[in-house]
C-alpha cells in the first residue's frame, strides 16, 4: 500500500471538491498493491491531537487510487484506513510523519538548509529526551520529537523551568513557530529545528550525557564534556506593568494613550497618526476602535449581576451592549468580518515577550461580538499566559484586559516582518492565500541594508502531488511553480514599500520591530507592530 500525498490541497479532479472548499492538511490517496480494487471498501478515520475521532470519511476509487472525499479544518494528528466491508484495520499513519517526510524532502530537493535556527547561541546541559522526567537541579538541553500545532508548541514550551537552556526539535511546521519563535528565543540559549533524521538521532543517543552545544555557525555542533562551566542562574527581569485608567467609552485610534489602552492598541494609534502626518506612506491601517478596561468591566457587571450561572450564560449570549458594539463596527466599515484582538496591559511591553500567548479571533456574526470578546479576555487564564507571567514574576492581579475591534482584511500575501533577525538581516516570512486553505509554511525574504538587495531566500512547500512508500521514500512527484515565485516581479515593489515603512517604525520606536501585515492587489496593510526583544544571554 502506498500513500499519495497532495501538499497543494488541490486534487487532479474538481469532483473531490478541494478546489472549492480546501482543507488545512494533506489530502490522502491510497494505492493498494495487495488486493484487487473492487474488493475494497475503505474509510479514512481522522483523529486530532487529543486522539479524538472526528469521523470516518468514505474513500472514492478512480481506477487507480482511493481518495478521501471531504473538507475540514481539523488539526489532524493521525489517520487510520479502515476496511468498512470486513470491519478490519488496513493502515495507521500520522499527519506529523507525513509533514516530516515532505518537509525534509522539499528541503533536500530545493537545496534549503536542513536546520532552522530559532535562537542562536552556545550553552551546556544534560541532554534529556523524556519530557515527563526533566531534572530541576541541573542545566538541561531537550531533544523533542514532536510538537504539532501552534497551541501544542506554546503549551509545551511554556511549562519548562528556567534550567532548560536549550531545545532541539526534530520537525515542526515553521508557521507554527512564527509567533512562538519570539518567545522561544527569550526562554532558551539555543533553539534549533533539525530536519535530518540521521543527525537528530545521533544527537539523541547522547541522552543522559553532559554536552556543550552551539548553532552559532549556522548548524548544530556538540561535544560531550566532563563538567559544566560556571553558569549563572537565569532570572528574567520583572517588567513594569502599567495600570490603565478605567475608561468606560469606546475609543477611536486617535484617542489612544498608554494610560487608556494596552501597548498593542496604542501603537495602532501611533501608526495611524504617523500615516496622517506623512512619516509613513503608501500603506493602510485597517480601521477599527478599542474596547478599554472600563467598558469591559461594564460588560461583566451585567453578566455577573445574577448569581445563577445559567442566567449569567444567557446574559452573555444576549448582552445589551452588543447593539452598541455592532453600531460602532458599521461606523468603522467593519461590515463583514471583525478581527477581535487582545491588547492587555501586560502585552507587547519592553523586555517582555508575549507574541501569541493571548488570543485573537475573527467574528462574522455581529450578534456574537460580546461572546468573542469574552473568549479573548479569558485567554488571560490559558496555560501559556499563566506560565509566562509566572516565569517573569508578574502578579496576576495587575493584568487588565483591553480589546481591539478591527476590520478583518483578507490579503493574498500575509507576512510577518522582522527588522532584525539572528543573521542580522531584515527578514520577512511571507505566506500565500492564493491556494485553497492557505499555505502553512512561509517563504523567507531578506533585505540587506548595505546593498539594499531584496532576495527570495527560501520557498515554502512546493505545490504538487507526492507518492510515498510505507518506508517514507518519495517515489513520485508532480510539482508546480510556487505562487510567490510566480508573482515575484509584481511583489518586489510592495515589499520594498513595506520595508521602507518598517525601517521608519524601527527608527521612530528606537528598537527593532516585529510587524504583521499583508499585501493584496499591490496594497500594503500593517495591522500590528511590536518591539523585537533582544535575547538575554545567561552567561
Protein backbone atom coordinates (compact mmCIF):
# COMPACT_ATOMS: atom_id res chain seq x y z
CA UNK A 1 0.00 0.00 0.00
CA UNK A 2 1.33 3.44 -0.93
CA UNK A 3 0.24 6.91 0.23
CA UNK A 4 -0.45 9.61 -2.34
CA UNK A 5 0.00 13.00 -0.65
CA UNK A 6 -1.20 16.24 -2.21
CA UNK A 7 0.60 19.11 -0.47
CA UNK A 8 -1.19 21.74 -2.54
CA UNK A 9 -4.62 20.85 -1.17
CA UNK A 10 -5.77 20.55 -4.77
CA UNK A 11 -6.54 17.21 -6.40
CA UNK A 12 -6.41 16.38 -10.10
CA UNK A 13 -10.19 16.34 -10.34
CA UNK A 14 -12.58 19.11 -9.29
CA UNK A 15 -15.01 16.31 -8.42
CA UNK A 16 -13.48 15.92 -4.98
CA UNK A 17 -14.34 19.50 -4.06
CA UNK A 18 -10.95 20.60 -2.80
CA UNK A 19 -10.56 23.45 -5.27
CA UNK A 20 -13.78 24.87 -3.91
CA UNK A 21 -13.53 24.08 -0.19
CA UNK A 22 -9.90 23.38 0.70
CA UNK A 23 -8.50 21.82 3.86
CA UNK A 24 -5.81 22.70 6.37
CA UNK A 25 -3.86 19.47 5.98
CA UNK A 26 -2.76 16.98 3.38
CA UNK A 27 -5.45 15.14 1.41
CA UNK A 28 -4.62 11.44 1.32
CA UNK A 29 -4.82 8.90 -1.52
CA UNK A 30 -4.21 5.16 -1.15
CA UNK A 31 -2.86 2.92 -3.91
CA UNK A 32 -3.36 -0.73 -2.95
CA UNK A 33 -0.79 -3.27 -4.11
CA UNK A 34 -2.17 -6.33 -2.37
CA UNK A 35 -5.90 -6.61 -3.09
CA UNK A 36 -7.88 -6.02 -6.31
CA UNK A 37 -9.55 -2.65 -6.04
CA UNK A 38 -13.21 -3.70 -6.45
CA UNK A 39 -12.99 -5.74 -3.23
CA UNK A 40 -12.00 -2.69 -1.20
CA UNK A 41 -14.49 -0.51 0.64
CA UNK A 42 -12.28 1.91 2.54
CA UNK A 43 -12.86 4.65 5.09
CA UNK A 44 -10.44 7.31 6.34
CA UNK A 45 -10.67 7.95 10.09
CA UNK A 46 -9.39 11.34 11.24
CA UNK A 47 -8.09 11.96 14.78
CA UNK A 48 -6.99 15.27 16.30
CA UNK A 49 -4.02 15.94 18.58
CA UNK A 50 -6.12 14.82 21.57
CA UNK A 51 -6.78 11.49 19.80
CA UNK A 52 -10.46 12.41 19.46
CA UNK A 53 -12.07 10.84 16.38
CA UNK A 54 -13.68 13.40 14.07
CA UNK A 55 -15.38 10.96 11.75
CA UNK A 56 -14.95 8.15 9.24
CA UNK A 57 -14.91 9.51 5.70
CA UNK A 58 -15.59 7.39 2.58
CA UNK A 59 -12.82 6.99 0.04
CA UNK A 60 -13.63 7.16 -3.68
CA UNK A 61 -11.91 4.82 -6.18
CA UNK A 62 -10.82 6.37 -9.51
CA UNK A 63 -9.43 3.23 -11.14
CA UNK A 64 -6.01 3.59 -9.51
CA UNK A 65 -6.27 5.42 -6.18
CA UNK A 66 -8.67 5.60 -3.28
CA UNK A 67 -9.07 9.23 -2.19
CA UNK A 68 -10.96 10.66 0.75
CA UNK A 69 -13.82 12.95 -0.26
CA UNK A 70 -14.26 15.60 2.43
CA UNK A 71 -13.10 19.03 3.52
CA UNK A 72 -12.42 20.03 7.11
CA UNK A 73 -10.40 22.40 9.26
CA UNK A 74 -9.48 19.79 11.89
CA UNK A 75 -5.85 19.95 13.05
CA UNK A 76 -5.30 16.27 12.23
CA UNK A 77 -2.76 14.25 14.16
CA UNK A 78 -3.34 10.75 12.77
CA UNK A 79 -5.20 8.85 10.09
CA UNK A 80 -6.46 5.27 10.02
CA UNK A 81 -7.54 3.39 6.92
CA UNK A 82 -10.45 1.06 7.70
CA UNK A 83 -11.96 -1.68 5.57
CA UNK A 84 -15.66 -1.00 6.06
CA UNK A 85 -16.79 -4.20 4.36
CA UNK A 86 -14.78 -6.53 6.60
CA UNK A 87 -14.50 -4.15 9.60
CA UNK A 88 -10.76 -4.55 9.79
CA UNK A 89 -7.93 -2.08 10.11
CA UNK A 90 -5.83 -1.59 6.99
CA UNK A 91 -3.24 1.03 7.89
CA UNK A 92 -2.32 3.64 10.51
CA UNK A 93 -0.17 6.68 9.85
CA UNK A 94 0.28 10.13 11.37
CA UNK A 95 -0.15 13.57 9.88
CA UNK A 96 3.06 14.55 11.67
CA UNK A 97 5.07 11.83 9.89
CA UNK A 98 3.70 12.93 6.52
CA UNK A 99 4.63 16.53 7.30
CA UNK A 100 8.09 15.41 8.38
CA UNK A 101 8.70 13.39 5.21
CA UNK A 102 7.63 16.21 2.89
CA UNK A 103 9.45 18.88 4.87
CA UNK A 104 12.76 17.01 4.66
CA UNK A 105 12.21 16.03 1.03
CA UNK A 106 11.38 19.55 -0.11
CA UNK A 107 14.38 20.99 1.73
CA UNK A 108 16.77 18.48 0.20
CA UNK A 109 15.36 18.76 -3.32
CA UNK A 110 15.46 22.59 -3.32
CA UNK A 111 18.84 22.94 -1.60
CA UNK A 112 17.38 24.59 1.50
CA UNK A 113 19.18 24.24 4.87
CA UNK A 114 18.32 21.10 6.82
CA UNK A 115 18.35 23.11 10.05
CA UNK A 116 16.36 26.13 11.22
CA UNK A 117 17.81 28.43 13.89
CA UNK A 118 15.26 29.88 16.29
CA UNK A 119 17.65 31.16 18.99
CA UNK A 120 21.37 31.41 18.13
CA UNK A 121 23.92 30.75 20.84
CA UNK A 122 26.01 28.29 22.83
CA UNK A 123 25.09 26.50 26.03
CA UNK A 124 25.71 23.43 28.17
CA UNK A 125 23.45 20.93 29.88
CA UNK A 126 22.39 17.34 30.38
CA UNK A 127 20.75 16.04 27.21
CA UNK A 128 17.20 14.89 28.02
CA UNK A 129 14.67 13.22 25.68
CA UNK A 130 11.91 12.33 28.16
CA UNK A 131 9.72 15.41 28.62
CA UNK A 132 8.00 13.76 31.58
CA UNK A 133 11.23 13.43 33.55
CA UNK A 134 13.15 16.69 33.25
CA UNK A 135 15.69 17.26 36.07
CA UNK A 136 15.26 20.50 38.01
CA UNK A 137 18.65 20.77 39.70
CA UNK A 138 20.98 20.82 36.64
CA UNK A 139 21.07 22.72 33.35
CA UNK A 140 19.13 20.82 30.68
CA UNK A 141 19.07 20.59 26.87
CA UNK A 142 15.94 18.93 25.48
CA UNK A 143 15.54 16.93 22.28
CA UNK A 144 11.86 16.96 21.29
CA UNK A 145 10.49 14.56 18.70
CA UNK A 146 7.05 16.04 18.13
CA UNK A 147 5.42 19.42 18.51
CA UNK A 148 2.46 19.72 16.17
CA UNK A 149 0.31 22.83 16.09
CA UNK A 150 0.99 26.29 17.48
CA UNK A 151 -1.10 25.77 20.63
CA UNK A 152 0.74 22.50 21.36
CA UNK A 153 4.06 24.34 20.97
CA UNK A 154 3.03 27.09 23.39
CA UNK A 155 1.53 24.69 25.90
CA UNK A 156 4.72 22.60 25.89
CA UNK A 157 7.47 25.21 25.77
CA UNK A 158 5.85 27.47 28.35
CA UNK A 159 5.86 24.73 31.01
CA UNK A 160 9.63 24.27 31.11
CA UNK A 161 11.55 25.58 34.12
CA UNK A 162 14.34 28.15 33.70
CA UNK A 163 17.04 25.44 33.99
CA UNK A 164 16.11 24.28 30.46
CA UNK A 165 18.73 26.17 28.46
CA UNK A 166 18.32 24.64 25.01
CA UNK A 167 15.80 22.79 22.83
CA UNK A 168 16.34 20.81 19.65
CA UNK A 169 13.24 19.93 17.64
CA UNK A 170 13.14 17.12 15.09
CA UNK A 171 10.44 18.62 12.89
CA UNK A 172 7.88 21.39 13.12
CA UNK A 173 5.81 23.37 10.62
CA UNK A 174 7.61 26.72 10.57
CA UNK A 175 4.41 28.75 10.56
CA UNK A 176 3.65 27.28 13.97
CA UNK A 177 6.86 28.95 15.18
CA UNK A 178 6.11 32.35 13.66
CA UNK A 179 4.76 33.70 16.96
CA UNK A 180 6.37 31.14 19.23
CA UNK A 181 9.87 31.92 17.92
CA UNK A 182 9.82 35.33 19.60
CA UNK A 183 9.05 33.77 22.97
CA UNK A 184 11.28 30.74 22.38
CA UNK A 185 14.28 32.93 21.64
CA UNK A 186 13.84 34.58 25.05
CA UNK A 187 13.50 31.36 27.01
CA UNK A 188 16.45 29.39 25.62
CA UNK A 189 20.14 29.96 24.83
CA UNK A 190 19.99 27.56 21.88
CA UNK A 191 16.91 26.56 19.88
CA UNK A 192 17.02 24.81 16.50
CA UNK A 193 14.95 22.54 14.27
CA UNK A 194 16.83 19.60 12.67
CA UNK A 195 15.17 18.05 9.60
CA UNK A 196 17.94 15.48 9.04
CA UNK A 197 16.80 12.34 10.89
CA UNK A 198 20.27 10.81 10.90
CA UNK A 199 21.87 13.81 12.63
CA UNK A 200 18.97 14.18 15.06
CA UNK A 201 19.07 10.51 16.05
CA UNK A 202 22.85 10.61 16.55
CA UNK A 203 22.36 13.52 18.96
CA UNK A 204 19.59 11.62 20.79
CA UNK A 205 22.00 8.75 21.53
CA UNK A 206 23.79 11.09 23.95
CA UNK A 207 20.74 11.34 26.23
CA UNK A 208 21.92 11.49 29.84
CA UNK A 209 25.34 12.94 28.91
CA UNK A 210 26.67 16.41 29.73
CA UNK A 211 27.15 18.26 26.44
CA UNK A 212 28.13 21.63 25.08
CA UNK A 213 26.01 22.63 22.09
CA UNK A 214 26.12 25.56 19.67
CA UNK A 215 24.39 26.72 16.49
CA UNK A 216 26.38 29.93 16.06
CA UNK A 217 27.96 28.67 12.82
CA UNK A 218 24.59 28.04 11.21
CA UNK A 219 24.14 24.42 12.25
CA UNK A 220 24.13 22.35 15.44
CA UNK A 221 27.59 21.37 16.72
CA UNK A 222 28.04 19.49 20.00
CA UNK A 223 30.54 17.66 22.15
CA UNK A 224 30.48 15.65 25.37
CA UNK A 225 32.02 17.44 28.38
CA UNK A 226 33.07 16.23 31.82
CA UNK A 227 31.75 19.19 33.81
CA UNK A 228 29.81 22.38 33.29
CA UNK A 229 31.26 25.85 33.00
CA UNK A 230 30.25 28.42 35.61
CA UNK A 231 26.59 29.05 34.71
CA UNK A 232 24.80 31.90 36.44
CA UNK A 233 21.19 31.30 37.40
CA UNK A 234 18.88 32.99 34.91
CA UNK A 235 16.28 35.26 36.49
CA UNK A 236 14.36 37.34 33.96
CA UNK A 237 13.69 40.92 34.91
CA UNK A 238 10.11 41.52 36.06
CA UNK A 239 8.59 44.10 33.71
CA UNK A 240 6.79 47.20 34.92
CA UNK A 241 3.06 46.65 34.28
CA UNK A 242 1.27 49.96 33.58
CA UNK A 243 -2.07 50.38 35.36
CA UNK A 244 -4.69 51.62 32.90
CA UNK A 245 -7.40 54.19 33.58
CA UNK A 246 -10.83 52.56 33.60
CA UNK A 247 -12.19 54.43 30.59
CA UNK A 248 -15.84 53.45 30.02
CA UNK A 249 -16.44 54.63 26.43
CA UNK A 250 -15.35 53.01 23.19
CA UNK A 251 -12.22 54.69 21.83
CA UNK A 252 -11.13 55.81 18.38
CA UNK A 253 -7.49 55.06 17.48
CA UNK A 254 -6.79 58.82 17.62
CA UNK A 255 -7.80 58.88 21.31
CA UNK A 256 -5.43 56.15 22.45
CA UNK A 257 -2.73 56.75 25.05
CA UNK A 258 -0.62 54.43 27.17
CA UNK A 259 -2.95 55.31 30.06
CA UNK A 260 -6.20 54.12 28.47
CA UNK A 261 -5.11 51.19 26.29
CA UNK A 262 -2.61 48.34 26.07
CA UNK A 263 0.61 48.80 24.10
CA UNK A 264 -0.63 46.82 21.08
CA UNK A 265 -3.67 49.08 20.73
CA UNK A 266 -1.68 52.26 21.47
CA UNK A 267 0.72 51.52 18.61
CA UNK A 268 -2.15 51.23 16.14
CA UNK A 269 -2.99 54.81 17.08
CA UNK A 270 0.64 55.82 16.64
CA UNK A 271 0.84 54.24 13.18
CA UNK A 272 -2.39 55.94 12.11
CA UNK A 273 -1.05 59.31 13.33
CA UNK A 274 2.31 58.81 11.55
CA UNK A 275 0.46 57.91 8.35
CA UNK A 276 -1.67 61.09 8.50
CA UNK A 277 1.44 63.20 9.15
CA UNK A 278 3.26 61.67 6.16
CA UNK A 279 6.03 59.99 8.16
CA UNK A 280 4.65 56.65 6.96
CA UNK A 281 3.36 56.44 3.38
CA UNK A 282 1.70 54.14 0.85
CA UNK A 283 0.39 51.72 3.48
CA UNK A 284 -3.02 51.31 5.12
CA UNK A 285 -4.04 50.56 8.71
CA UNK A 286 -7.28 48.52 8.88
CA UNK A 287 -9.91 50.73 10.59
CA UNK A 288 -11.34 49.94 13.99
CA UNK A 289 -11.78 51.02 17.59
CA UNK A 290 -10.71 49.95 21.07
CA UNK A 291 -12.73 48.47 23.94
CA UNK A 292 -10.98 49.74 27.09
CA UNK A 293 -10.88 48.30 30.62
CA UNK A 294 -13.86 50.28 31.97
CA UNK A 295 -16.12 49.24 29.09
CA UNK A 296 -15.11 45.59 29.53
CA UNK A 297 -15.95 45.93 33.25
CA UNK A 298 -19.44 47.14 32.22
CA UNK A 299 -19.84 44.02 30.11
CA UNK A 300 -19.05 41.77 33.06
CA UNK A 301 -21.00 43.80 35.63
CA UNK A 302 -24.16 43.00 33.69
CA UNK A 303 -23.24 39.32 33.16
CA UNK A 304 -22.33 38.67 36.80
CA UNK A 305 -25.26 40.53 38.37
CA UNK A 306 -27.40 37.40 38.85
CA UNK A 307 -25.84 34.60 40.94
CA UNK A 308 -27.41 31.86 38.80
CA UNK A 309 -24.82 30.52 36.27
CA UNK A 310 -27.45 29.69 33.67
CA UNK A 311 -28.77 33.25 33.83
CA UNK A 312 -25.21 34.56 33.51
CA UNK A 313 -24.76 32.47 30.36
CA UNK A 314 -28.00 33.90 28.92
CA UNK A 315 -26.79 37.43 29.63
CA UNK A 316 -23.53 36.68 27.83
CA UNK A 317 -25.46 35.44 24.79
CA UNK A 318 -27.98 38.30 24.73
CA UNK A 319 -25.96 41.24 26.04
CA UNK A 320 -27.49 44.73 25.60
CA UNK A 321 -24.08 46.28 24.80
CA UNK A 322 -23.85 44.05 21.74
CA UNK A 323 -26.08 46.54 19.88
CA UNK A 324 -23.74 49.47 20.55
CA UNK A 325 -20.71 47.38 19.55
CA UNK A 326 -22.37 46.41 16.29
CA UNK A 327 -23.17 50.08 15.51
CA UNK A 328 -19.54 51.04 16.12
CA UNK A 329 -18.40 48.21 13.83
CA UNK A 330 -20.50 49.56 10.96
CA UNK A 331 -19.34 53.12 11.72
CA UNK A 332 -15.75 51.98 11.12
CA UNK A 333 -16.52 49.96 8.00
CA UNK A 334 -16.47 46.61 9.76
CA UNK A 335 -19.42 45.20 7.82
CA UNK A 336 -18.47 41.57 7.15
CA UNK A 337 -15.77 40.17 9.40
CA UNK A 338 -14.44 41.67 12.64
CA UNK A 339 -10.92 40.93 13.92
CA UNK A 340 -11.14 40.86 17.72
CA UNK A 341 -7.64 41.16 19.18
CA UNK A 342 -6.13 41.09 22.63
CA UNK A 343 -4.37 44.23 23.89
CA UNK A 344 -3.76 43.54 27.58
CA UNK A 345 -1.76 45.99 29.66
CA UNK A 346 0.77 43.15 30.19
CA UNK A 347 1.29 42.57 26.46
CA UNK A 348 3.96 43.74 23.99
CA UNK A 349 5.90 45.58 26.70
CA UNK A 350 9.64 46.39 26.53
CA UNK A 351 11.73 43.34 27.56
CA UNK A 352 8.69 41.09 27.96
CA UNK A 353 7.91 38.72 25.02
CA UNK A 354 4.21 37.89 24.70
CA UNK A 355 3.65 37.19 20.99
CA UNK A 356 0.81 34.71 20.64
CA UNK A 357 0.18 33.91 24.31
CA UNK A 358 -3.15 35.76 24.36
CA UNK A 359 -5.96 35.01 21.90
CA UNK A 360 -7.28 36.95 18.96
CA UNK A 361 -10.09 35.77 16.71
CA UNK A 362 -12.38 36.66 13.83
CA UNK A 363 -16.13 37.09 14.21
CA UNK A 364 -18.57 37.06 11.29
CA UNK A 365 -21.77 37.10 13.34
CA UNK A 366 -22.40 40.51 14.89
CA UNK A 367 -24.80 39.01 17.42
CA UNK A 368 -21.79 37.20 18.97
CA UNK A 369 -19.41 40.13 19.50
CA UNK A 370 -19.64 40.04 23.31
CA UNK A 371 -19.15 36.26 23.32
CA UNK A 372 -15.94 36.60 21.30
CA UNK A 373 -14.71 39.49 23.45
CA UNK A 374 -15.27 37.20 26.45
CA UNK A 375 -13.10 34.48 24.86
CA UNK A 376 -10.27 36.95 24.20
CA UNK A 377 -10.42 38.31 27.76
CA UNK A 378 -10.44 34.78 29.24
CA UNK A 379 -7.27 33.85 27.33
CA UNK A 380 -5.54 35.53 30.29
CA UNK A 381 -6.16 32.24 32.13
CA UNK A 382 -4.75 29.96 29.41
CA UNK A 383 -1.66 27.95 30.34
CA UNK A 384 0.89 29.79 28.13
CA UNK A 385 -0.17 33.18 29.56
CA UNK A 386 -0.16 31.92 33.15
CA UNK A 387 3.27 30.28 32.81
CA UNK A 388 4.71 33.35 31.10
CA UNK A 389 3.63 35.63 33.95
CA UNK A 390 4.92 33.13 36.48
CA UNK A 391 8.32 32.99 34.77
CA UNK A 392 8.62 36.78 34.73
CA UNK A 393 7.25 37.28 38.25
CA UNK A 394 4.12 39.20 37.18
CA UNK A 395 1.25 39.39 39.68
CA UNK A 396 -1.96 38.18 38.00
CA UNK A 397 -3.97 40.87 39.78
CA UNK A 398 -2.12 43.57 37.81
CA UNK A 399 -3.30 42.28 34.43
CA UNK A 400 -6.08 44.35 32.84
CA UNK A 401 -7.94 43.44 29.64
CA UNK A 402 -8.21 45.71 26.64
CA UNK A 403 -9.54 44.62 23.22
CA UNK A 404 -9.06 45.92 19.67
CA UNK A 405 -12.01 45.61 17.27
CA UNK A 406 -10.65 45.93 13.73
CA UNK A 407 -11.81 45.33 10.19
CA UNK A 408 -10.51 41.97 9.01
CA UNK A 409 -8.60 42.43 5.78
CA UNK A 410 -8.17 39.34 3.65
CA UNK A 411 -4.84 39.54 1.82
CA UNK A 412 -3.22 37.36 -0.82
CA UNK A 413 0.16 37.57 0.90
CA UNK A 414 0.08 37.93 4.71
CA UNK A 415 3.51 38.42 6.27
CA UNK A 416 5.48 38.93 9.45
CA UNK A 417 8.39 41.34 9.02
CA UNK A 418 11.35 41.43 11.42
CA UNK A 419 13.66 44.42 11.04
CA UNK A 420 16.31 42.37 12.85
CA UNK A 421 16.94 38.61 12.83
CA UNK A 422 19.66 36.19 14.04
CA UNK A 423 21.70 36.69 10.84
CA UNK A 424 21.47 40.50 11.11
CA UNK A 425 19.28 40.98 8.02
CA UNK A 426 15.76 42.31 7.81
CA UNK A 427 13.60 39.21 7.31
CA UNK A 428 10.07 38.68 6.01
CA UNK A 429 8.16 35.42 6.46
CA UNK A 430 5.50 35.58 3.73
CA UNK A 431 2.57 33.22 3.26
CA UNK A 432 0.13 32.92 0.38
CA UNK A 433 -3.66 32.64 0.48
CA UNK A 434 -3.82 32.11 -3.27
CA UNK A 435 -4.10 28.33 -2.88
CA UNK A 436 -7.12 26.79 -1.21
CA UNK A 437 -6.75 26.61 2.55
CA UNK A 438 -3.74 28.92 2.52
CA UNK A 439 -0.08 27.90 2.76
CA UNK A 440 1.09 26.90 6.22
CA UNK A 441 4.82 27.26 5.52
CA UNK A 442 6.21 30.69 4.61
CA UNK A 443 8.66 31.84 2.02
CA UNK A 444 11.63 33.69 3.52
CA UNK A 445 12.56 37.07 2.05
CA UNK A 446 15.57 39.08 3.22
CA UNK A 447 16.75 42.67 2.83
CA UNK A 448 20.42 43.62 3.09
CA UNK A 449 20.70 47.16 4.50
CA UNK A 450 24.14 47.69 2.95
CA UNK A 451 23.41 46.57 -0.61
CA UNK A 452 19.63 47.27 -0.43
CA UNK A 453 19.06 43.91 -2.12
CA UNK A 454 15.69 42.20 -1.63
CA UNK A 455 16.14 38.45 -2.01
CA UNK A 456 13.76 35.49 -2.07
CA UNK A 457 15.86 33.18 0.10
CA UNK A 458 13.63 30.12 0.53
CA UNK A 459 10.30 28.89 -0.81
CA UNK A 460 7.54 27.18 1.17
CA UNK A 461 6.46 23.62 0.45
CA UNK A 462 6.46 23.12 -3.28
CA UNK A 463 2.92 22.79 -4.57
CA UNK A 464 2.32 19.36 -6.04
CA UNK A 465 1.45 15.72 -5.59
CA UNK A 466 3.71 13.12 -4.00
CA UNK A 467 3.64 9.33 -3.91
CA UNK A 468 5.28 7.96 -0.75
CA UNK A 469 6.14 4.35 0.10
CA UNK A 470 5.33 2.90 3.52
CA UNK A 471 9.06 3.28 4.27
CA UNK A 472 8.83 7.06 3.85
CA UNK A 473 10.62 7.19 0.49
CA UNK A 474 9.17 9.67 -2.01
CA UNK A 475 8.93 7.70 -5.26
CA UNK A 476 6.98 10.11 -7.45
CA UNK A 477 6.28 13.84 -7.56
CA UNK A 478 4.39 16.27 -9.76
CA UNK A 479 5.33 19.85 -8.86
CA UNK A 480 4.07 23.27 -9.84
CA UNK A 481 5.65 26.70 -9.56
CA UNK A 482 5.13 28.40 -6.19
CA UNK A 483 2.74 31.40 -6.17
CA UNK A 484 5.22 33.78 -4.51
CA UNK A 485 7.91 32.79 -7.00
CA UNK A 486 5.43 33.18 -9.85
CA UNK A 487 4.33 36.67 -8.67
CA UNK A 488 7.81 37.79 -7.56
CA UNK A 489 8.23 40.58 -10.12
CA UNK A 490 4.93 42.14 -9.09
CA UNK A 491 5.63 41.68 -5.37
CA UNK A 492 9.00 43.47 -5.36
CA UNK A 493 7.53 47.00 -5.33
CA UNK A 494 5.04 46.45 -2.45
CA UNK A 495 7.66 44.53 -0.49
CA UNK A 496 10.02 47.49 -0.93
CA UNK A 497 7.32 49.86 0.39
CA UNK A 498 6.72 47.60 3.39
CA UNK A 499 10.47 47.53 4.16
CA UNK A 500 10.78 51.33 3.85
CA UNK A 501 7.96 51.89 6.33
CA UNK A 502 9.20 49.16 8.67
CA UNK A 503 12.60 50.84 8.92
CA UNK A 504 10.87 54.15 9.70
CA UNK A 505 8.91 52.47 12.52
CA UNK A 506 12.16 51.00 13.83
CA UNK A 507 13.68 54.48 13.88
CA UNK A 508 10.59 56.03 15.49
CA UNK A 509 10.34 53.49 18.32
CA UNK A 510 14.11 53.21 18.73
CA UNK A 511 14.13 49.41 18.63
CA UNK A 512 13.90 46.63 16.00
CA UNK A 513 10.27 45.90 15.08
CA UNK A 514 8.15 42.78 14.57
CA UNK A 515 5.40 43.86 12.14
CA UNK A 516 2.37 41.93 10.93
CA UNK A 517 0.66 42.85 7.68
CA UNK A 518 -0.34 41.73 4.23
CA UNK A 519 -0.43 42.55 0.52
CA UNK A 520 -3.38 42.39 -1.87
CA UNK A 521 -3.61 43.90 -5.36
CA UNK A 522 -0.50 45.99 -4.66
CA UNK A 523 -1.92 47.47 -1.42
CA UNK A 524 0.15 47.07 1.74
CA UNK A 525 -1.50 46.76 5.14
CA UNK A 526 0.15 46.98 8.57
CA UNK A 527 -2.06 45.84 11.44
CA UNK A 528 0.48 45.48 14.23
CA UNK A 529 3.97 46.46 15.32
CA UNK A 530 5.82 45.42 18.46
CA UNK A 531 9.43 45.61 19.64
CA UNK A 532 11.73 42.69 18.91
CA UNK A 533 13.14 41.88 22.31
CA UNK A 534 16.83 41.16 22.40
CA UNK A 535 17.62 37.79 23.92
CA UNK A 536 19.06 37.79 27.41
CA UNK A 537 22.42 35.99 27.48
CA UNK A 538 22.60 33.84 30.58
CA UNK A 539 26.35 33.62 30.94
